Every structure is written in structure tokens, then in C-alpha cells.
Amino acid sequence: MARKAKIAKASKLKKSFLQSIVDWRKPKNATKVFNCCTACWRTRGYLWAFGICRICFREKANAWELPGVRKSSW
């Protein structure tokens, strides 16, 4: 239950933040907006360049699903 509530809260905050940008006004809660992984909705360890968290990044990189990313030991 807590995970669903966290996802709902994150999407609600993101929508309100984007709407305030469209309306050209300063968002009321700009510091509360945070990035979430698009695969698992994890908030910590978010990699901005890929839009996913570190755990999903590692899984996708090991499965060769990310173009241009490879292990340094190979």
C-alpha cells in the first residue's frame, strides 16, 4: 500500500510542478518534486541521463539493452 501511495504522490507533485511551469508561476512546492525511475518508481539512485535508477541501469546494462553502455572489465 505504501508503494502505491508514494507513486501516486510523486505523479501528483510532478503534474502540479509541470502545470505551474506552463502557467508561468513559481510552484508552491518546488523542493518536493523529485525524479523517479520509469521502470520501478525508485526515487533514490536516479541517473538523470538515462531516466532510470542505478539498479535498473545495472540490469539493463548487463542485458545489453542500453546502447553505448558496456562493462569496463570486458
PDB file of N, CA and C in Angstrom:
ATOM      1  N   MET A   1       0.820  -1.194   0.000  1.00  0.00           N
ATOM      2  CA  MET A   1       0.000   0.000   0.000  1.00  0.00           C
ATOM      3  C   MET A   1       0.861   1.255   0.000  1.00  0.00           C
ATOM      4  N   ALA A   2       1.927   1.231   0.749  1.00  0.00           N
ATOM      5  CA  ALA A   2       2.763   2.420   0.853  1.00  0.00           C
ATOM      6  C   ALA A   2       3.419   2.747  -0.485  1.00  0.00           C
ATOM      7  N   ARG A   3       3.781   1.729  -1.240  1.00  0.00           N
ATOM      8  CA  ARG A   3       4.433   1.974  -2.521  1.00  0.00           C
ATOM      9  C   ARG A   3       3.483   2.633  -3.515  1.00  0.00           C
ATOM     10  N   LYS A   4       2.224   2.186  -3.533  1.00  0.00           N
ATOM     11  CA  LYS A   4       1.246   2.786  -4.431  1.00  0.00           C
ATOM     12  C   LYS A   4       0.985   4.236  -4.055  1.00  0.00           C
ATOM     13  N   ALA A   5       0.941   4.509  -2.761  1.00  0.00           N
ATOM     14  CA  ALA A   5       0.721   5.870  -2.307  1.00  0.00           C
ATOM     15  C   ALA A   5       1.896   6.765  -2.690  1.00  0.00           C
ATOM     16  N   LYS A   6       3.100   6.238  -2.606  1.00  0.00           N
ATOM     17  CA  LYS A   6       4.287   7.009  -2.971  1.00  0.00           C
ATOM     18  C   LYS A   6       4.291   7.328  -4.460  1.00  0.00           C
ATOM     19  N   ILE A   7       3.899   6.359  -5.280  1.00  0.00           N
ATOM     20  CA  ILE A   7       3.834   6.578  -6.724  1.00  0.00           C
ATOM     21  C   ILE A   7       2.777   7.626  -7.055  1.00  0.00           C
ATOM     22  N   ALA A   8       1.630   7.524  -6.413  1.00  0.00           N
ATOM     23  CA  ALA A   8       0.554   8.488  -6.653  1.00  0.00           C
ATOM     24  C   ALA A   8       0.975   9.888  -6.229  1.00  0.00           C
ATOM     25  N   LYS A   9       1.652   9.986  -5.096  1.00  0.00           N
ATOM     26  CA  LYS A   9       2.091  11.292  -4.607  1.00  0.00           C
ATOM     27  C   LYS A   9       3.137  11.895  -5.539  1.00  0.00           C
ATOM     28  N   ALA A  10       4.058  11.063  -6.026  1.00  0.00           N
ATOM     29  CA  ALA A  10       5.102  11.555  -6.931  1.00  0.00           C
ATOM     30  C   ALA A  10       4.501  12.045  -8.235  1.00  0.00           C
ATOM     31  N   SER A  11       3.567  11.295  -8.786  1.00  0.00           N
ATOM     32  CA  SER A  11       2.958  11.719 -10.046  1.00  0.00           C
ATOM     33  C   SER A  11       2.113  12.980  -9.856  1.00  0.00           C
ATOM     34  N   LYS A  12       1.467  13.110  -8.718  1.00  0.00           N
ATOM     35  CA  LYS A  12       0.668  14.301  -8.425  1.00  0.00           C
ATOM     36  C   LYS A  12       1.562  15.531  -8.306  1.00  0.00           C
ATOM     37  N   LEU A  13       2.681  15.395  -7.588  1.00  0.00           N
ATOM     38  CA  LEU A  13       3.600  16.512  -7.440  1.00  0.00           C
ATOM     39  C   LEU A  13       4.223  16.908  -8.770  1.00  0.00           C
ATOM     40  N   LYS A  14       4.559  15.908  -9.583  1.00  0.00           N
ATOM     41  CA  LYS A  14       5.173  16.195 -10.872  1.00  0.00           C
ATOM     42  C   LYS A  14       4.186  16.908 -11.788  1.00  0.00           C
ATOM     43  N   LYS A  15       2.921  16.488 -11.769  1.00  0.00           N
ATOM     44  CA  LYS A  15       1.906  17.133 -12.595  1.00  0.00           C
ATOM     45  C   LYS A  15       1.697  18.583 -12.174  1.00  0.00           C
ATOM     46  N   SER A  16       1.620  18.821 -10.864  1.00  0.00           N
ATOM     47  CA  SER A  16       1.413  20.190 -10.392  1.00  0.00           C
ATOM     48  C   SER A  16       2.614  21.070 -10.710  1.00  0.00           C
ATOM     49  N   PHE A  17       3.810  20.503 -10.638  1.00  0.00           N
ATOM     50  CA  PHE A  17       5.015  21.253 -10.957  1.00  0.00           C
ATOM     51  C   PHE A  17       5.041  21.634 -12.429  1.00  0.00           C
ATOM     52  N   LEU A  18       4.729  20.670 -13.307  1.00  0.00           N
ATOM     53  CA  LEU A  18       4.721  20.947 -14.740  1.00  0.00           C
ATOM     54  C   LEU A  18       3.623  21.930 -15.115  1.00  0.00           C
ATOM     55  N   GLN A  19       2.483  21.839 -14.459  1.00  0.00           N
ATOM     56  CA  GLN A  19       1.394  22.769 -14.741  1.00  0.00           C
ATOM     57  C   GLN A  19       1.770  24.185 -14.322  1.00  0.00           C
ATOM     58  N   SER A  20       2.481  24.327 -13.218  1.00  0.00           N
ATOM     59  CA  SER A  20       2.886  25.658 -12.773  1.00  0.00           C
ATOM     60  C   SER A  20       3.921  26.260 -13.719  1.00  0.00           C
ATOM     61  N   ILE A  21       4.749  25.415 -14.325  1.00  0.00           N
ATOM     62  CA  ILE A  21       5.714  25.913 -15.316  1.00  0.00           C
ATOM     63  C   ILE A  21       4.973  26.417 -16.554  1.00  0.00           C
ATOM     64  N   VAL A  22       3.941  25.692 -16.958  1.00  0.00           N
ATOM     65  CA  VAL A  22       3.153  26.095 -18.119  1.00  0.00           C
ATOM     66  C   VAL A  22       2.442  27.418 -17.846  1.00  0.00           C
ATOM     67  N   ASP A  23       1.986  27.604 -16.616  1.00  0.00           N
ATOM     68  CA  ASP A  23       1.250  28.820 -16.250  1.00  0.00           C
ATOM     69  C   ASP A  23       2.168  30.000 -15.938  1.00  0.00           C
ATOM     70  N   TRP A  24       3.492  29.824 -16.039  1.00  0.00           N
ATOM     71  CA  TRP A  24       4.489  30.865 -15.781  1.00  0.00           C
ATOM     72  C   TRP A  24       4.414  31.410 -14.365  1.00  0.00           C
ATOM     73  N   ARG A  25       4.230  30.554 -13.397  1.00  0.00           N
ATOM     74  CA  ARG A  25       4.270  30.984 -11.996  1.00  0.00           C
ATOM     75  C   ARG A  25       5.179  30.046 -11.218  1.00  0.00           C
ATOM     76  N   LYS A  26       5.677  30.536 -10.117  1.00  0.00           N
ATOM     77  CA  LYS A  26       6.578  29.733  -9.305  1.00  0.00           C
ATOM     78  C   LYS A  26       5.778  28.652  -8.591  1.00  0.00           C
ATOM     79  N   PRO A  27       6.221  27.408  -8.663  1.00  0.00           N
ATOM     80  CA  PRO A  27       5.481  26.349  -7.973  1.00  0.00           C
ATOM     81  C   PRO A  27       5.562  26.495  -6.461  1.00  0.00           C
ATOM     82  N   LYS A  28       4.483  26.139  -5.813  1.00  0.00           N
ATOM     83  CA  LYS A  28       4.406  26.281  -4.362  1.00  0.00           C
ATOM     84  C   LYS A  28       5.332  25.296  -3.656  1.00  0.00           C
ATOM     85  N   ASN A  29       5.470  24.122  -4.206  1.00  0.00           N
ATOM     86  CA  ASN A  29       6.273  23.090  -3.557  1.00  0.00           C
ATOM     87  C   ASN A  29       7.358  22.585  -4.511  1.00  0.00           C
ATOM     88  N   ALA A  30       8.191  23.491  -4.972  1.00  0.00           N
ATOM     89  CA  ALA A  30       9.209  23.131  -5.955  1.00  0.00           C
ATOM     90  C   ALA A  30      10.276  22.221  -5.361  1.00  0.00           C
ATOM     91  N   THR A  31      10.525  22.319  -4.072  1.00  0.00           N
ATOM     92  CA  THR A  31      11.566  21.496  -3.467  1.00  0.00           C
ATOM     93  C   THR A  31      11.104  20.060  -3.262  1.00  0.00           C
ATOM     94  N   LYS A  32       9.812  19.800  -3.312  1.00  0.00           N
ATOM     95  CA  LYS A  32       9.299  18.453  -3.089  1.00  0.00           C
ATOM     96  C   LYS A  32       9.299  17.601  -4.351  1.00  0.00           C
ATOM     97  N   VAL A  33       9.465  18.213  -5.497  1.00  0.00           N
ATOM     98  CA  VAL A  33       9.454  17.463  -6.754  1.00  0.00           C
ATOM     99  C   VAL A  33      10.755  16.705  -6.875  1.00  0.00           C
ATOM    100  N   PHE A  34      10.661  15.412  -7.148  1.00  0.00           N
ATOM    101  CA  PHE A  34      11.846  14.590  -7.274  1.00  0.00           C
ATOM    102  C   PHE A  34      11.678  13.642  -8.439  1.00  0.00           C
ATOM    103  N   ASN A  35      12.791  13.176  -8.944  1.00  0.00           N
ATOM    104  CA  ASN A  35      12.780  12.277 -10.089  1.00  0.00           C
ATOM    105  C   ASN A  35      12.561  10.843  -9.642  1.00  0.00           C
ATOM    106  N   CYS A  36      11.855  10.088 -10.470  1.00  0.00           N
ATOM    107  CA  CYS A  36      11.590   8.679 -10.188  1.00  0.00           C
ATOM    108  C   CYS A  36      12.026   7.841 -11.374  1.00  0.00           C
ATOM    109  N   CYS A  37      12.415   6.630 -11.074  1.00  0.00           N
ATOM    110  CA  CYS A  37      12.771   5.671 -12.115  1.00  0.00           C
ATOM    111  C   CYS A  37      11.512   5.343 -12.912  1.00  0.00           C
ATOM    112  N   THR A  38      11.640   5.283 -14.231  1.00  0.00           N
ATOM    113  CA  THR A  38      10.476   4.996 -15.064  1.00  0.00           C
ATOM    114  C   THR A  38      10.110   3.521 -15.060  1.00  0.00           C
ATOM    115  N   ALA A  39      11.023   2.672 -14.614  1.00  0.00           N
ATOM    116  CA  ALA A  39      10.754   1.232 -14.607  1.00  0.00           C
ATOM    117  C   ALA A  39      10.170   0.766 -13.277  1.00  0.00           C
ATOM    118  N   CYS A  40      10.766   1.184 -12.160  1.00  0.00           N
ATOM    119  CA  CYS A  40      10.337   0.657 -10.859  1.00  0.00           C
ATOM    120  C   CYS A  40       9.889   1.748  -9.887  1.00  0.00           C
ATOM    121  N   TRP A  41       9.903   3.003 -10.265  1.00  0.00           N
ATOM    122  CA  TRP A  41       9.476   4.144  -9.458  1.00  0.00           C
ATOM    123  C   TRP A  41      10.337   4.363  -8.214  1.00  0.00           C
ATOM    124  N   ARG A  42      11.574   3.923  -8.264  1.00  0.00           N
ATOM    125  CA  ARG A  42      12.504   4.174  -7.161  1.00  0.00           C
ATOM    126  C   ARG A  42      12.950   5.631  -7.225  1.00  0.00           C
ATOM    127  N   THR A  43      13.025   6.287  -6.072  1.00  0.00           N
ATOM    128  CA  THR A  43      13.372   7.701  -6.039  1.00  0.00           C
ATOM    129  C   THR A  43      14.853   7.930  -5.775  1.00  0.00           C
ATOM    130  N   ARG A  44      15.499   6.990  -5.139  1.00  0.00           N
ATOM    131  CA  ARG A  44      16.913   7.172  -4.817  1.00  0.00           C
ATOM    132  C   ARG A  44      17.789   6.495  -5.857  1.00  0.00           C
ATOM    133  N   GLY A  45      18.967   7.038  -6.054  1.00  0.00           N
ATOM    134  CA  GLY A  45      19.886   6.460  -7.025  1.00  0.00           C
ATOM    135  C   GLY A  45      19.454   6.691  -8.459  1.00  0.00           C
ATOM    136  N   TYR A  46      18.798   7.803  -8.719  1.00  0.00           N
ATOM    137  CA  TYR A  46      18.274   8.118 -10.044  1.00  0.00           C
ATOM    138  C   TYR A  46      19.396   8.633 -10.936  1.00  0.00           C
ATOM    139  N   LEU A  47      19.517   8.072 -12.130  1.00  0.00           N
ATOM    140  CA  LEU A  47      20.502   8.521 -13.109  1.00  0.00           C
ATOM    141  C   LEU A  47      19.785   9.388 -14.132  1.00  0.00           C
ATOM    142  N   TRP A  48      20.087  10.661 -14.109  1.00  0.00           N
ATOM    143  CA  TRP A  48      19.376  11.638 -14.919  1.00  0.00           C
ATOM    144  C   TRP A  48      19.535  11.375 -16.414  1.00  0.00           C
ATOM    145  N   ALA A  49      20.727  10.992 -16.837  1.00  0.00           N
ATOM    146  CA  ALA A  49      20.992  10.814 -18.268  1.00  0.00           C
ATOM    147  C   ALA A  49      20.170   9.682 -18.878  1.00  0.00           C
ATOM    148  N   PHE A  50      19.817   8.683 -18.082  1.00  0.00           N
ATOM    149  CA  PHE A  50      19.083   7.531 -18.596  1.00  0.00           C
ATOM    150  C   PHE A  50      17.629   7.499 -18.132  1.00  0.00           C
ATOM    151  N   GLY A  51      17.291   8.231 -17.096  1.00  0.00           N
ATOM    152  CA  GLY A  51      15.925   8.270 -16.601  1.00  0.00           C
ATOM    153  C   GLY A  51      15.524   7.052 -15.793  1.00  0.00           C
ATOM    154  N   ILE A  52      16.506   6.295 -15.303  1.00  0.00           N
ATOM    155  CA  ILE A  52      16.229   5.107 -14.502  1.00  0.00           C
ATOM    156  C   ILE A  52      17.126   5.102 -13.270  1.00  0.00           C
ATOM    157  N   CYS A  53      16.817   4.231 -12.329  1.00  0.00           N
ATOM    158  CA  CYS A  53      17.618   4.143 -11.111  1.00  0.00           C
ATOM    159  C   CYS A  53      18.856   3.276 -11.360  1.00  0.00           C
ATOM    160  N   ARG A  54      19.736   3.253 -10.383  1.00  0.00           N
ATOM    161  CA  ARG A  54      21.002   2.539 -10.540  1.00  0.00           C
ATOM    162  C   ARG A  54      20.798   1.037 -10.661  1.00  0.00           C
ATOM    163  N   ILE A  55      19.779   0.502 -10.006  1.00  0.00           N
ATOM    164  CA  ILE A  55      19.526  -0.937 -10.045  1.00  0.00           C
ATOM    165  C   ILE A  55      19.023  -1.350 -11.426  1.00  0.00           C
ATOM    166  N   CYS A  56      18.064  -0.600 -11.951  1.00  0.00           N
ATOM    167  CA  CYS A  56      17.555  -0.900 -13.292  1.00  0.00           C
ATOM    168  C   CYS A  56      18.629  -0.650 -14.344  1.00  0.00           C
ATOM    169  N   PHE A  57      19.474   0.356 -14.113  1.00  0.00           N
ATOM    170  CA  PHE A  57      20.574   0.626 -15.037  1.00  0.00           C
ATOM    171  C   PHE A  57      21.508  -0.570 -15.120  1.00  0.00           C
ATOM    172  N   ARG A  58      21.837  -1.136 -13.981  1.00  0.00           N
ATOM    173  CA  ARG A  58      22.750  -2.281 -13.968  1.00  0.00           C
ATOM    174  C   ARG A  58      22.126  -3.493 -14.660  1.00  0.00           C
ATOM    175  N   GLU A  59      20.841  -3.736 -14.386  1.00  0.00           N
ATOM    176  CA  GLU A  59      20.163  -4.873 -15.010  1.00  0.00           C
ATOM    177  C   GLU A  59      20.108  -4.715 -16.532  1.00  0.00           C
ATOM    178  N   LYS A  60      19.762  -3.514 -16.998  1.00  0.00           N
ATOM    179  CA  LYS A  60      19.653  -3.287 -18.441  1.00  0.00           C
ATOM    180  C   LYS A  60      21.020  -3.282 -19.110  1.00  0.00           C
ATOM    181  N   ALA A  61      22.030  -2.775 -18.419  1.00  0.00           N
ATOM    182  CA  ALA A  61      23.374  -2.766 -18.991  1.00  0.00           C
ATOM    183  C   ALA A  61      23.919  -4.178 -19.115  1.00  0.00           C
ATOM    184  N   ASN A  62      23.666  -5.016 -18.135  1.00  0.00           N
ATOM    185  CA  ASN A  62      24.122  -6.405 -18.197  1.00  0.00           C
ATOM    186  C   ASN A  62      23.377  -7.210 -19.251  1.00  0.00           C
ATOM    187  N   ALA A  63      22.159  -6.812 -19.560  1.00  0.00           N
ATOM    188  CA  ALA A  63      21.368  -7.498 -20.586  1.00  0.00           C
ATOM    189  C   ALA A  63      21.584  -6.884 -21.976  1.00  0.00           C
ATOM    190  N   TRP A  64      22.504  -5.926 -22.113  1.00  0.00           N
ATOM    191  CA  TRP A  64      22.834  -5.251 -23.371  1.00  0.00           C
ATOM    192  C   TRP A  64      21.631  -4.500 -23.945  1.00  0.00           C
ATOM    193  N   GLU A  65      20.810  -3.925 -23.097  1.00  0.00           N
ATOM    194  CA  GLU A  65      19.637  -3.187 -23.554  1.00  0.00           C
ATOM    195  C   GLU A  65      19.890  -1.687 -23.671  1.00  0.00           C
ATOM    196  N   LEU A  66      21.026  -1.215 -23.178  1.00  0.00           N
ATOM    197  CA  LEU A  66      21.355   0.204 -23.273  1.00  0.00           C
ATOM    198  C   LEU A  66      22.439   0.399 -24.331  1.00  0.00           C
ATOM    199  N   PRO A  67      22.141   1.113 -25.403  1.00  0.00           N
ATOM    200  CA  PRO A  67      23.139   1.304 -26.446  1.00  0.00           C
ATOM    201  C   PRO A  67      24.284   2.196 -25.973  1.00  0.00           C
ATOM    202  N   GLY A  68      25.491   1.776 -26.256  1.00  0.00           N
ATOM    203  CA  GLY A  68      26.669   2.556 -25.904  1.00  0.00           C
ATOM    204  C   GLY A  68      27.177   2.332 -24.507  1.00  0.00           C
ATOM    205  N   VAL A  69      26.555   1.435 -23.754  1.00  0.00           N
ATOM    206  CA  VAL A  69      26.983   1.150 -22.386  1.00  0.00           C
ATOM    207  C   VAL A  69      27.500  -0.270 -22.330  1.00  0.00           C
ATOM    208  N   ARG A  70      28.689  -0.418 -21.759  1.00  0.00           N
ATOM    209  CA  ARG A  70      29.225  -1.756 -21.587  1.00  0.00           C
ATOM    210  C   ARG A  70      30.059  -1.796 -20.321  1.00  0.00           C
ATOM    211  N   LYS A  71      30.315  -2.988 -19.830  1.00  0.00           N
ATOM    212  CA  LYS A  71      31.119  -3.137 -18.622  1.00  0.00           C
ATOM    213  C   LYS A  71      32.561  -2.770 -18.917  1.00  0.00           C
ATOM    214  N   SER A  72      33.213  -2.161 -17.954  1.00  0.00           N
ATOM    215  CA  SER A  72      34.600  -1.751 -18.174  1.00  0.00           C
ATOM    216  C   SER A  72      35.549  -2.939 -18.078  1.00  0.00           C
ATOM    217  N   SER A  73      35.128  -4.014 -17.454  1.00  0.00           N
ATOM    218  CA  SER A  73      36.021  -5.166 -17.274  1.00  0.00           C
ATOM    219  C   SER A  73      36.010  -6.111 -18.478  1.00  0.00           C
ATOM    220  N   TRP A  74      35.112  -5.864 -19.448  1.00  0.00           N
ATOM    221  CA  TRP A  74      35.054  -6.751 -20.609  1.00  0.00           C
ATOM    222  C   TRP A  74      35.941  -6.281 -21.708  1.00  0.00           C
TER     223      TRP A  74
END
